[in-house]
Amino acid sequence: MSNAILNRMCNDENDPMLGVKICRNYGDLLSMQTSWSKDNSGRRFWSYLRYRVYACNLFRWRDREDVDIRSKFVILRLAKRIKKLEIDDESHIKRSNKWVMKEKKKIKYCNN
C-alpha cells in the first residue's frame, strides 16, 4: 500500500485543519502526510511536496506529540503486517508468473 493511500486513510474528513493551506515563503503548498516511523507512527504533519528535488526538509507537525502508547503499538503492528502481506503478495505474483511462462513453453513445445 502506498504512502499516499495510507495518508488518505488517516485523514479525518471532519478535521478542520484538513482544508488549511500552509505555504512556504515562495508560495508553494505543503501537503499533509502521516508519519510511519517508530516514534511518531500515525502522527500527521505537513511537508514540502518537492522535498526530494530541492532537498528541503521543512515540515510542521499537525498532531500533538502525546499519542497514547497503545495506539502506537497497534499502528506499528498493523504497518508491519501490511508490509509482510505486500511482500508475500509480490512473491506469490512472481511465482505465478514463472509458472505461467513455464506452461506457455510446454504448450509451445507441444504445438511444434
PDB file of N, CA and C in Angstrom:
ATOM      1  N   MET A   1       0.854  -1.173   0.000  1.00  0.00           N
ATOM      2  CA  MET A   1       0.000   0.000   0.000  1.00  0.00           C
ATOM      3  C   MET A   1       0.896   1.230   0.000  1.00  0.00           C
ATOM      4  N   SER A   2       0.603   2.147  -0.867  1.00  0.00           N
ATOM      5  CA  SER A   2       1.459   3.331  -0.984  1.00  0.00           C
ATOM      6  C   SER A   2       1.234   4.295   0.173  1.00  0.00           C
ATOM      7  N   ASN A   3       2.227   5.155   0.399  1.00  0.00           N
ATOM      8  CA  ASN A   3       2.097   6.161   1.456  1.00  0.00           C
ATOM      9  C   ASN A   3       0.929   7.093   1.200  1.00  0.00           C
ATOM     10  N   ALA A   4       0.661   7.401  -0.066  1.00  0.00           N
ATOM     11  CA  ALA A   4      -0.452   8.302  -0.394  1.00  0.00           C
ATOM     12  C   ALA A   4      -1.775   7.698   0.055  1.00  0.00           C
ATOM     13  N   ILE A   5      -1.952   6.399  -0.159  1.00  0.00           N
ATOM     14  CA  ILE A   5      -3.190   5.731   0.259  1.00  0.00           C
ATOM     15  C   ILE A   5      -3.284   5.716   1.772  1.00  0.00           C
ATOM     16  N   LEU A   6      -2.181   5.382   2.446  1.00  0.00           N
ATOM     17  CA  LEU A   6      -2.184   5.382   3.907  1.00  0.00           C
ATOM     18  C   LEU A   6      -2.455   6.775   4.453  1.00  0.00           C
ATOM     19  N   ASN A   7      -1.903   7.802   3.818  1.00  0.00           N
ATOM     20  CA  ASN A   7      -2.150   9.178   4.256  1.00  0.00           C
ATOM     21  C   ASN A   7      -3.625   9.527   4.150  1.00  0.00           C
ATOM     22  N   ARG A   8      -4.263   9.148   3.032  1.00  0.00           N
ATOM     23  CA  ARG A   8      -5.690   9.432   2.856  1.00  0.00           C
ATOM     24  C   ARG A   8      -6.521   8.708   3.910  1.00  0.00           C
ATOM     25  N   MET A   9      -6.139   7.471   4.235  1.00  0.00           N
ATOM     26  CA  MET A   9      -6.882   6.696   5.222  1.00  0.00           C
ATOM     27  C   MET A   9      -6.809   7.335   6.603  1.00  0.00           C
ATOM     28  N   CYS A  10      -5.713   8.021   6.895  1.00  0.00           N
ATOM     29  CA  CYS A  10      -5.516   8.613   8.218  1.00  0.00           C
ATOM     30  C   CYS A  10      -6.113  10.006   8.349  1.00  0.00           C
ATOM     31  N   ASN A  11      -6.620  10.559   7.282  1.00  0.00           N
ATOM     32  CA  ASN A  11      -7.219  11.886   7.350  1.00  0.00           C
ATOM     33  C   ASN A  11      -8.676  11.785   7.767  1.00  0.00           C
ATOM     34  N   ASP A  12      -9.021  12.520   8.781  1.00  0.00           N
ATOM     35  CA  ASP A  12     -10.394  12.592   9.258  1.00  0.00           C
ATOM     36  C   ASP A  12     -11.116  13.648   8.432  1.00  0.00           C
ATOM     37  N   GLU A  13     -12.193  13.253   7.760  1.00  0.00           N
ATOM     38  CA  GLU A  13     -12.911  14.189   6.888  1.00  0.00           C
ATOM     39  C   GLU A  13     -13.467  15.389   7.647  1.00  0.00           C
ATOM     40  N   ASN A  14     -13.697  15.244   8.947  1.00  0.00           N
ATOM     41  CA  ASN A  14     -14.237  16.336   9.754  1.00  0.00           C
ATOM     42  C   ASN A  14     -13.145  17.203  10.383  1.00  0.00           C
ATOM     43  N   ASP A  15     -11.904  16.917  10.090  1.00  0.00           N
ATOM     44  CA  ASP A  15     -10.784  17.668  10.649  1.00  0.00           C
ATOM     45  C   ASP A  15     -10.784  19.084  10.071  1.00  0.00           C
ATOM     46  N   PRO A  16     -10.934  20.119  10.910  1.00  0.00           N
ATOM     47  CA  PRO A  16     -10.973  21.493  10.397  1.00  0.00           C
ATOM     48  C   PRO A  16      -9.653  21.919   9.760  1.00  0.00           C
ATOM     49  N   MET A  17      -8.563  21.258  10.091  1.00  0.00           N
ATOM     50  CA  MET A  17      -7.259  21.618   9.533  1.00  0.00           C
ATOM     51  C   MET A  17      -7.003  20.964   8.185  1.00  0.00           C
ATOM     52  N   LEU A  18      -7.875  20.065   7.752  1.00  0.00           N
ATOM     53  CA  LEU A  18      -7.661  19.329   6.509  1.00  0.00           C
ATOM     54  C   LEU A  18      -7.645  20.258   5.301  1.00  0.00           C
ATOM     55  N   GLY A  19      -8.492  21.274   5.305  1.00  0.00           N
ATOM     56  CA  GLY A  19      -8.566  22.194   4.175  1.00  0.00           C
ATOM     57  C   GLY A  19      -7.629  23.383   4.273  1.00  0.00           C
ATOM     58  N   VAL A  20      -6.899  23.484   5.373  1.00  0.00           N
ATOM     59  CA  VAL A  20      -5.996  24.616   5.576  1.00  0.00           C
ATOM     60  C   VAL A  20      -4.819  24.516   4.615  1.00  0.00           C
ATOM     61  N   LYS A  21      -4.487  25.635   4.004  1.00  0.00           N
ATOM     62  CA  LYS A  21      -3.347  25.674   3.089  1.00  0.00           C
ATOM     63  C   LYS A  21      -2.184  26.351   3.800  1.00  0.00           C
ATOM     64  N   ILE A  22      -1.105  25.618   3.910  1.00  0.00           N
ATOM     65  CA  ILE A  22       0.104  26.156   4.526  1.00  0.00           C
ATOM     66  C   ILE A  22       1.127  26.336   3.421  1.00  0.00           C
ATOM     67  N   CYS A  23       1.666  27.553   3.322  1.00  0.00           N
ATOM     68  CA  CYS A  23       2.584  27.870   2.224  1.00  0.00           C
ATOM     69  C   CYS A  23       3.984  28.172   2.739  1.00  0.00           C
ATOM     70  N   ARG A  24       4.935  27.907   1.873  1.00  0.00           N
ATOM     71  CA  ARG A  24       6.320  28.310   2.117  1.00  0.00           C
ATOM     72  C   ARG A  24       6.472  29.770   1.722  1.00  0.00           C
ATOM     73  N   ASN A  25       7.644  30.292   1.920  1.00  0.00           N
ATOM     74  CA  ASN A  25       7.926  31.685   1.553  1.00  0.00           C
ATOM     75  C   ASN A  25       7.663  31.955   0.081  1.00  0.00           C
ATOM     76  N   TYR A  26       7.930  30.974  -0.773  1.00  0.00           N
ATOM     77  CA  TYR A  26       7.784  31.180  -2.218  1.00  0.00           C
ATOM     78  C   TYR A  26       6.363  30.926  -2.698  1.00  0.00           C
ATOM     79  N   GLY A  27       5.449  30.562  -1.789  1.00  0.00           N
ATOM     80  CA  GLY A  27       4.066  30.330  -2.172  1.00  0.00           C
ATOM     81  C   GLY A  27       3.740  28.881  -2.478  1.00  0.00           C
ATOM     82  N   ASP A  28       4.725  27.972  -2.374  1.00  0.00           N
ATOM     83  CA  ASP A  28       4.461  26.553  -2.613  1.00  0.00           C
ATOM     84  C   ASP A  28       3.680  25.965  -1.442  1.00  0.00           C
ATOM     85  N   LEU A  29       2.709  25.114  -1.756  1.00  0.00           N
ATOM     86  CA  LEU A  29       1.883  24.498  -0.720  1.00  0.00           C
ATOM     87  C   LEU A  29       2.600  23.321  -0.069  1.00  0.00           C
ATOM     88  N   LEU A  30       2.316  23.126   1.209  1.00  0.00           N
ATOM     89  CA  LEU A  30       2.796  21.944   1.914  1.00  0.00           C
ATOM     90  C   LEU A  30       1.672  20.908   1.893  1.00  0.00           C
ATOM     91  N   SER A  31       2.021  19.630   1.785  1.00  0.00           N
ATOM     92  CA  SER A  31       0.996  18.585   1.770  1.00  0.00           C
ATOM     93  C   SER A  31       0.955  17.885   3.125  1.00  0.00           C
ATOM     94  N   MET A  32      -0.263  17.457   3.538  1.00  0.00           N
ATOM     95  CA  MET A  32      -0.386  16.743   4.795  1.00  0.00           C
ATOM     96  C   MET A  32      -0.049  15.275   4.562  1.00  0.00           C
ATOM     97  N   GLN A  33       0.804  14.733   5.431  1.00  0.00           N
ATOM     98  CA  GLN A  33       1.218  13.343   5.335  1.00  0.00           C
ATOM     99  C   GLN A  33       1.139  12.706   6.712  1.00  0.00           C
ATOM    100  N   THR A  34       1.349  11.407   6.762  1.00  0.00           N
ATOM    101  CA  THR A  34       1.314  10.678   8.021  1.00  0.00           C
ATOM    102  C   THR A  34       2.660  10.013   8.252  1.00  0.00           C
ATOM    103  N   SER A  35       3.185  10.173   9.445  1.00  0.00           N
ATOM    104  CA  SER A  35       4.461   9.549   9.790  1.00  0.00           C
ATOM    105  C   SER A  35       4.232   8.082  10.131  1.00  0.00           C
ATOM    106  N   TRP A  36       5.111   7.217   9.635  1.00  0.00           N
ATOM    107  CA  TRP A  36       5.051   5.783   9.964  1.00  0.00           C
ATOM    108  C   TRP A  36       6.311   5.353  10.694  1.00  0.00           C
ATOM    109  N   SER A  37       7.067   6.310  11.222  1.00  0.00           N
ATOM    110  CA  SER A  37       8.277   5.965  11.970  1.00  0.00           C
ATOM    111  C   SER A  37       7.887   5.364  13.319  1.00  0.00           C
ATOM    112  N   LYS A  38       8.829   4.681  13.932  1.00  0.00           N
ATOM    113  CA  LYS A  38       8.567   4.018  15.211  1.00  0.00           C
ATOM    114  C   LYS A  38       8.136   5.018  16.286  1.00  0.00           C
ATOM    115  N   ASP A  39       8.780   6.162  16.326  1.00  0.00           N
ATOM    116  CA  ASP A  39       8.496   7.143  17.378  1.00  0.00           C
ATOM    117  C   ASP A  39       7.247   7.977  17.127  1.00  0.00           C
ATOM    118  N   ASN A  40       6.847   8.148  15.874  1.00  0.00           N
ATOM    119  CA  ASN A  40       5.731   9.047  15.554  1.00  0.00           C
ATOM    120  C   ASN A  40       4.660   8.393  14.687  1.00  0.00           C
ATOM    121  N   SER A  41       4.493   7.093  14.783  1.00  0.00           N
ATOM    122  CA  SER A  41       3.550   6.410  13.898  1.00  0.00           C
ATOM    123  C   SER A  41       2.131   6.940  14.076  1.00  0.00           C
ATOM    124  N   GLY A  42       1.508   7.256  12.954  1.00  0.00           N
ATOM    125  CA  GLY A  42       0.143   7.769  12.958  1.00  0.00           C
ATOM    126  C   GLY A  42       0.046   9.270  13.160  1.00  0.00           C
ATOM    127  N   ARG A  43       1.140   9.912  13.451  1.00  0.00           N
ATOM    128  CA  ARG A  43       1.142  11.362  13.688  1.00  0.00           C
ATOM    129  C   ARG A  43       1.258  12.089  12.352  1.00  0.00           C
ATOM    130  N   ARG A  44       0.367  13.049  12.126  1.00  0.00           N
ATOM    131  CA  ARG A  44       0.332  13.745  10.839  1.00  0.00           C
ATOM    132  C   ARG A  44       1.174  15.014  10.858  1.00  0.00           C
ATOM    133  N   PHE A  45       1.637  15.381   9.667  1.00  0.00           N
ATOM    134  CA  PHE A  45       2.468  16.574   9.524  1.00  0.00           C
ATOM    135  C   PHE A  45       2.322  17.122   8.112  1.00  0.00           C
ATOM    136  N   TRP A  46       2.701  18.384   7.952  1.00  0.00           N
ATOM    137  CA  TRP A  46       2.753  18.989   6.627  1.00  0.00           C
ATOM    138  C   TRP A  46       4.209  18.994   6.187  1.00  0.00           C
ATOM    139  N   SER A  47       4.431  18.705   4.914  1.00  0.00           N
ATOM    140  CA  SER A  47       5.797  18.764   4.389  1.00  0.00           C
ATOM    141  C   SER A  47       5.770  19.333   2.979  1.00  0.00           C
ATOM    142  N   TYR A  48       6.924  19.742   2.530  1.00  0.00           N
ATOM    143  CA  TYR A  48       7.085  20.323   1.208  1.00  0.00           C
ATOM    144  C   TYR A  48       6.928  19.231   0.159  1.00  0.00           C
ATOM    145  N   LEU A  49       6.094  19.466  -0.854  1.00  0.00           N
ATOM    146  CA  LEU A  49       5.809  18.452  -1.867  1.00  0.00           C
ATOM    147  C   LEU A  49       7.048  17.990  -2.621  1.00  0.00           C
ATOM    148  N   ARG A  50       7.954  18.907  -2.919  1.00  0.00           N
ATOM    149  CA  ARG A  50       9.131  18.559  -3.725  1.00  0.00           C
ATOM    150  C   ARG A  50      10.395  18.500  -2.875  1.00  0.00           C
ATOM    151  N   TYR A  51      10.264  17.955  -1.662  1.00  0.00           N
ATOM    152  CA  TYR A  51      11.416  17.966  -0.765  1.00  0.00           C
ATOM    153  C   TYR A  51      12.580  17.139  -1.297  1.00  0.00           C
ATOM    154  N   ARG A  52      12.314  16.094  -2.070  1.00  0.00           N
ATOM    155  CA  ARG A  52      13.404  15.278  -2.618  1.00  0.00           C
ATOM    156  C   ARG A  52      14.156  16.032  -3.712  1.00  0.00           C
ATOM    157  N   VAL A  53      13.423  16.796  -4.501  1.00  0.00           N
ATOM    158  CA  VAL A  53      14.044  17.524  -5.608  1.00  0.00           C
ATOM    159  C   VAL A  53      14.941  18.643  -5.085  1.00  0.00           C
ATOM    160  N   TYR A  54      14.436  19.396  -4.125  1.00  0.00           N
ATOM    161  CA  TYR A  54      15.172  20.563  -3.642  1.00  0.00           C
ATOM    162  C   TYR A  54      15.866  20.332  -2.298  1.00  0.00           C
ATOM    163  N   ALA A  55      15.834  19.108  -1.810  1.00  0.00           N
ATOM    164  CA  ALA A  55      16.438  18.760  -0.516  1.00  0.00           C
ATOM    165  C   ALA A  55      15.947  19.702   0.583  1.00  0.00           C
ATOM    166  N   CYS A  56      14.660  19.990   0.553  1.00  0.00           N
ATOM    167  CA  CYS A  56      14.050  20.870   1.550  1.00  0.00           C
ATOM    168  C   CYS A  56      13.371  19.996   2.598  1.00  0.00           C
ATOM    169  N   ASN A  57      13.788  20.101   3.831  1.00  0.00           N
ATOM    170  CA  ASN A  57      13.219  19.254   4.871  1.00  0.00           C
ATOM    171  C   ASN A  57      12.245  20.009   5.773  1.00  0.00           C
ATOM    172  N   LEU A  58      11.675  21.088   5.262  1.00  0.00           N
ATOM    173  CA  LEU A  58      10.717  21.865   6.038  1.00  0.00           C
ATOM    174  C   LEU A  58       9.464  21.041   6.306  1.00  0.00           C
ATOM    175  N   PHE A  59       9.034  20.986   7.527  1.00  0.00           N
ATOM    176  CA  PHE A  59       7.760  20.353   7.851  1.00  0.00           C
ATOM    177  C   PHE A  59       7.198  20.998   9.113  1.00  0.00           C
ATOM    178  N   ARG A  60       5.910  20.736   9.337  1.00  0.00           N
ATOM    179  CA  ARG A  60       5.232  21.261  10.521  1.00  0.00           C
ATOM    180  C   ARG A  60       4.288  20.176  11.022  1.00  0.00           C
ATOM    181  N   TRP A  61       4.376  19.841  12.299  1.00  0.00           N
ATOM    182  CA  TRP A  61       3.504  18.813  12.858  1.00  0.00           C
ATOM    183  C   TRP A  61       2.062  19.283  12.881  1.00  0.00           C
ATOM    184  N   ARG A  62       1.134  18.396  12.537  1.00  0.00           N
ATOM    185  CA  ARG A  62      -0.297  18.678  12.613  1.00  0.00           C
ATOM    186  C   ARG A  62      -0.844  18.197  13.953  1.00  0.00           C
ATOM    187  N   ASP A  63      -0.428  17.004  14.352  1.00  0.00           N
ATOM    188  CA  ASP A  63      -0.940  16.399  15.584  1.00  0.00           C
ATOM    189  C   ASP A  63       0.011  16.657  16.744  1.00  0.00           C
ATOM    190  N   ARG A  64      -0.577  16.688  17.928  1.00  0.00           N
ATOM    191  CA  ARG A  64       0.241  16.853  19.127  1.00  0.00           C
ATOM    192  C   ARG A  64       1.128  15.630  19.317  1.00  0.00           C
ATOM    193  N   GLU A  65       2.109  15.780  20.162  1.00  0.00           N
ATOM    194  CA  GLU A  65       3.087  14.710  20.372  1.00  0.00           C
ATOM    195  C   GLU A  65       2.550  13.575  21.237  1.00  0.00           C
ATOM    196  N   ASP A  66       1.552  13.842  22.034  1.00  0.00           N
ATOM    197  CA  ASP A  66       1.101  12.847  23.009  1.00  0.00           C
ATOM    198  C   ASP A  66       0.118  11.819  22.425  1.00  0.00           C
ATOM    199  N   VAL A  67       0.635  10.934  21.593  1.00  0.00           N
ATOM    200  CA  VAL A  67      -0.156   9.819  21.080  1.00  0.00           C
ATOM    201  C   VAL A  67      -0.059   8.723  22.130  1.00  0.00           C
ATOM    202  N   ASP A  68      -1.198   8.107  22.476  1.00  0.00           N
ATOM    203  CA  ASP A  68      -1.148   7.112  23.543  1.00  0.00           C
ATOM    204  C   ASP A  68      -0.349   5.879  23.115  1.00  0.00           C
ATOM    205  N   ILE A  69       0.267   5.233  24.085  1.00  0.00           N
ATOM    206  CA  ILE A  69       1.179   4.118  23.843  1.00  0.00           C
ATOM    207  C   ILE A  69       0.479   2.965  23.138  1.00  0.00           C
ATOM    208  N   ARG A  70      -0.737   2.677  23.508  1.00  0.00           N
ATOM    209  CA  ARG A  70      -1.480   1.573  22.883  1.00  0.00           C
ATOM    210  C   ARG A  70      -1.671   1.826  21.386  1.00  0.00           C
ATOM    211  N   SER A  71      -2.030   3.046  21.024  1.00  0.00           N
ATOM    212  CA  SER A  71      -2.212   3.376  19.606  1.00  0.00           C
ATOM    213  C   SER A  71      -0.913   3.200  18.838  1.00  0.00           C
ATOM    214  N   LYS A  72       0.197   3.665  19.413  1.00  0.00           N
ATOM    215  CA  LYS A  72       1.491   3.490  18.753  1.00  0.00           C
ATOM    216  C   LYS A  72       1.769   2.012  18.508  1.00  0.00           C
ATOM    217  N   PHE A  73       1.532   1.195  19.527  1.00  0.00           N
ATOM    218  CA  PHE A  73       1.785  -0.242  19.436  1.00  0.00           C
ATOM    219  C   PHE A  73       0.935  -0.875  18.336  1.00  0.00           C
ATOM    220  N   VAL A  74      -0.354  -0.558  18.332  1.00  0.00           N
ATOM    221  CA  VAL A  74      -1.270  -1.135  17.343  1.00  0.00           C
ATOM    222  C   VAL A  74      -0.902  -0.677  15.932  1.00  0.00           C
ATOM    223  N   ILE A  75      -0.636   0.602  15.769  1.00  0.00           N
ATOM    224  CA  ILE A  75      -0.297   1.135  14.442  1.00  0.00           C
ATOM    225  C   ILE A  75       0.967   0.478  13.903  1.00  0.00           C
ATOM    226  N   LEU A  76       1.989   0.344  14.745  1.00  0.00           N
ATOM    227  CA  LEU A  76       3.233  -0.287  14.296  1.00  0.00           C
ATOM    228  C   LEU A  76       3.008  -1.739  13.889  1.00  0.00           C
ATOM    229  N   ARG A  77       2.223  -2.479  14.685  1.00  0.00           N
ATOM    230  CA  ARG A  77       1.951  -3.885  14.337  1.00  0.00           C
ATOM    231  C   ARG A  77       1.165  -3.984  13.040  1.00  0.00           C
ATOM    232  N   LEU A  78       0.190  -3.113  12.858  1.00  0.00           N
ATOM    233  CA  LEU A  78      -0.595  -3.140  11.622  1.00  0.00           C
ATOM    234  C   LEU A  78       0.263  -2.771  10.413  1.00  0.00           C
ATOM    235  N   ALA A  79       1.126  -1.777  10.564  1.00  0.00           N
ATOM    236  CA  ALA A  79       2.006  -1.384   9.460  1.00  0.00           C
ATOM    237  C   ALA A  79       2.946  -2.530   9.084  1.00  0.00           C
ATOM    238  N   LYS A  80       3.486  -3.235  10.084  1.00  0.00           N
ATOM    239  CA  LYS A  80       4.351  -4.390   9.813  1.00  0.00           C
ATOM    240  C   LYS A  80       3.572  -5.496   9.112  1.00  0.00           C
ATOM    241  N   ARG A  81       2.345  -5.715   9.556  1.00  0.00           N
ATOM    242  CA  ARG A  81       1.513  -6.755   8.947  1.00  0.00           C
ATOM    243  C   ARG A  81       1.197  -6.419   7.489  1.00  0.00           C
ATOM    244  N   ILE A  82       0.900  -5.161   7.216  1.00  0.00           N
ATOM    245  CA  ILE A  82       0.626  -4.727   5.838  1.00  0.00           C
ATOM    246  C   ILE A  82       1.861  -4.942   4.973  1.00  0.00           C
ATOM    247  N   LYS A  83       3.021  -4.555   5.487  1.00  0.00           N
ATOM    248  CA  LYS A  83       4.269  -4.719   4.731  1.00  0.00           C
ATOM    249  C   LYS A  83       4.524  -6.194   4.427  1.00  0.00           C
ATOM    250  N   LYS A  84       4.307  -7.066   5.415  1.00  0.00           N
ATOM    251  CA  LYS A  84       4.511  -8.504   5.214  1.00  0.00           C
ATOM    252  C   LYS A  84       3.552  -9.038   4.154  1.00  0.00           C
ATOM    253  N   LEU A  85       2.298  -8.621   4.206  1.00  0.00           N
ATOM    254  CA  LEU A  85       1.320  -9.061   3.208  1.00  0.00           C
ATOM    255  C   LEU A  85       1.706  -8.587   1.811  1.00  0.00           C
ATOM    256  N   GLU A  86       2.204  -7.360   1.704  1.00  0.00           N
ATOM    257  CA  GLU A  86       2.638  -6.852   0.399  1.00  0.00           C
ATOM    258  C   GLU A  86       3.798  -7.674  -0.150  1.00  0.00           C
ATOM    259  N   ILE A  87       4.753  -8.015   0.716  1.00  0.00           N
ATOM    260  CA  ILE A  87       5.900  -8.822   0.290  1.00  0.00           C
ATOM    261  C   ILE A  87       5.441 -10.216  -0.124  1.00  0.00           C
ATOM    262  N   ASP A  88       4.558 -10.820   0.676  1.00  0.00           N
ATOM    263  CA  ASP A  88       4.026 -12.146   0.341  1.00  0.00           C
ATOM    264  C   ASP A  88       3.277 -12.116  -0.982  1.00  0.00           C
ATOM    265  N   ASP A  89       2.508 -11.057  -1.196  1.00  0.00           N
ATOM    266  CA  ASP A  89       1.735 -10.915  -2.433  1.00  0.00           C
ATOM    267  C   ASP A  89       2.665 -10.799  -3.641  1.00  0.00           C
ATOM    268  N   GLU A  90       3.699  -9.977  -3.517  1.00  0.00           N
ATOM    269  CA  GLU A  90       4.664  -9.825  -4.613  1.00  0.00           C
ATOM    270  C   GLU A  90       5.351 -11.151  -4.919  1.00  0.00           C
ATOM    271  N   SER A  91       5.701 -11.881  -3.877  1.00  0.00           N
ATOM    272  CA  SER A  91       6.357 -13.178  -4.046  1.00  0.00           C
ATOM    273  C   SER A  91       5.425 -14.162  -4.749  1.00  0.00           C
ATOM    274  N   HIS A  92       4.159 -14.157  -4.363  1.00  0.00           N
ATOM    275  CA  HIS A  92       3.172 -15.041  -4.987  1.00  0.00           C
ATOM    276  C   HIS A  92       2.995 -14.701  -6.469  1.00  0.00           C
ATOM    277  N   ILE A  93       2.945 -13.431  -6.778  1.00  0.00           N
ATOM    278  CA  ILE A  93       2.794 -12.996  -8.175  1.00  0.00           C
ATOM    279  C   ILE A  93       3.996 -13.446  -9.000  1.00  0.00           C
ATOM    280  N   LYS A  94       5.197 -13.300  -8.458  1.00  0.00           N
ATOM    281  CA  LYS A  94       6.399 -13.733  -9.181  1.00  0.00           C
ATOM    282  C   LYS A  94       6.363 -15.235  -9.441  1.00  0.00           C
ATOM    283  N   ARG A  95       5.983 -16.017  -8.416  1.00  0.00           N
ATOM    284  CA  ARG A  95       5.895 -17.474  -8.595  1.00  0.00           C
ATOM    285  C   ARG A  95       4.846 -17.827  -9.630  1.00  0.00           C
ATOM    286  N   SER A  96       3.715 -17.136  -9.600  1.00  0.00           N
ATOM    287  CA  SER A  96       2.645 -17.391 -10.570  1.00  0.00           C
ATOM    288  C   SER A  96       3.103 -17.062 -11.981  1.00  0.00           C
ATOM    289  N   ASN A  97       3.801 -15.957 -12.138  1.00  0.00           N
ATOM    290  CA  ASN A  97       4.305 -15.567 -13.463  1.00  0.00           C
ATOM    291  C   ASN A  97       5.299 -16.590 -14.000  1.00  0.00           C
ATOM    292  N   LYS A  98       6.172 -17.102 -13.128  1.00  0.00           N
ATOM    293  CA  LYS A  98       7.125 -18.129 -13.550  1.00  0.00           C
ATOM    294  C   LYS A  98       6.387 -19.383 -14.008  1.00  0.00           C
ATOM    295  N   TRP A  99       5.362 -19.762 -13.250  1.00  0.00           N
ATOM    296  CA  TRP A  99       4.585 -20.952 -13.598  1.00  0.00           C
ATOM    297  C   TRP A  99       3.902 -20.763 -14.955  1.00  0.00           C
ATOM    298  N   VAL A 100       3.304 -19.592 -15.181  1.00  0.00           N
ATOM    299  CA  VAL A 100       2.624 -19.306 -16.449  1.00  0.00           C
ATOM    300  C   VAL A 100       3.613 -19.379 -17.609  1.00  0.00           C
ATOM    301  N   MET A 101       4.786 -18.805 -17.447  1.00  0.00           N
ATOM    302  CA  MET A 101       5.798 -18.845 -18.511  1.00  0.00           C
ATOM    303  C   MET A 101       6.228 -20.283 -18.802  1.00  0.00           C
ATOM    304  N   LYS A 102       6.371 -21.061 -17.757  1.00  0.00           N
ATOM    305  CA  LYS A 102       6.749 -22.468 -17.907  1.00  0.00           C
ATOM    306  C   LYS A 102       5.675 -23.232 -18.684  1.00  0.00           C
ATOM    307  N   GLU A 103       4.415 -22.984 -18.352  1.00  0.00           N
ATOM    308  CA  GLU A 103       3.302 -23.649 -19.041  1.00  0.00           C
ATOM    309  C   GLU A 103       3.216 -23.209 -20.502  1.00  0.00           C
ATOM    310  N   LYS A 104       3.478 -21.934 -20.765  1.00  0.00           N
ATOM    311  CA  LYS A 104       3.466 -21.443 -22.151  1.00  0.00           C
ATOM    312  C   LYS A 104       4.536 -22.146 -22.977  1.00  0.00           C
ATOM    313  N   LYS A 105       5.708 -22.346 -22.379  1.00  0.00           N
ATOM    314  CA  LYS A 105       6.787 -23.046 -23.080  1.00  0.00           C
ATOM    315  C   LYS A 105       6.383 -24.486 -23.381  1.00  0.00           C
ATOM    316  N   LYS A 106       5.719 -25.138 -22.427  1.00  0.00           N
ATOM    317  CA  LYS A 106       5.258 -26.514 -22.640  1.00  0.00           C
ATOM    318  C   LYS A 106       4.276 -26.575 -23.799  1.00  0.00           C
ATOM    319  N   ILE A 107       3.328 -25.631 -23.801  1.00  0.00           N
ATOM    320  CA  ILE A 107       2.312 -25.604 -24.860  1.00  0.00           C
ATOM    321  C   ILE A 107       2.972 -25.340 -26.205  1.00  0.00           C
ATOM    322  N   LYS A 108       3.895 -24.404 -26.237  1.00  0.00           N
ATOM    323  CA  LYS A 108       4.599 -24.077 -27.478  1.00  0.00           C
ATOM    324  C   LYS A 108       5.380 -25.296 -27.974  1.00  0.00           C
ATOM    325  N   TYR A 109       6.028 -26.013 -27.077  1.00  0.00           N
ATOM    326  CA  TYR A 109       6.805 -27.198 -27.433  1.00  0.00           C
ATOM    327  C   TYR A 109       5.890 -28.297 -27.979  1.00  0.00           C
ATOM    328  N   CYS A 110       4.720 -28.459 -27.350  1.00  0.00           N
ATOM    329  CA  CYS A 110       3.773 -29.495 -27.779  1.00  0.00           C
ATOM    330  C   CYS A 110       3.158 -29.172 -29.139  1.00  0.00           C
ATOM    331  N   ASN A 111       2.987 -27.909 -29.446  1.00  0.00           N
ATOM    332  CA  ASN A 111       2.363 -27.499 -30.710  1.00  0.00           C
ATOM    333  C   ASN A 111       3.324 -27.589 -31.889  1.00  0.00           C
ATOM    334  N   ASN A 112       4.609 -27.663 -31.636  1.00  0.00           N
ATOM    335  CA  ASN A 112       5.596 -27.734 -32.731  1.00  0.00           C
ATOM    336  C   ASN A 112       5.817 -29.122 -33.164  1.00  0.00           C
TER     337      ASN A 112
END
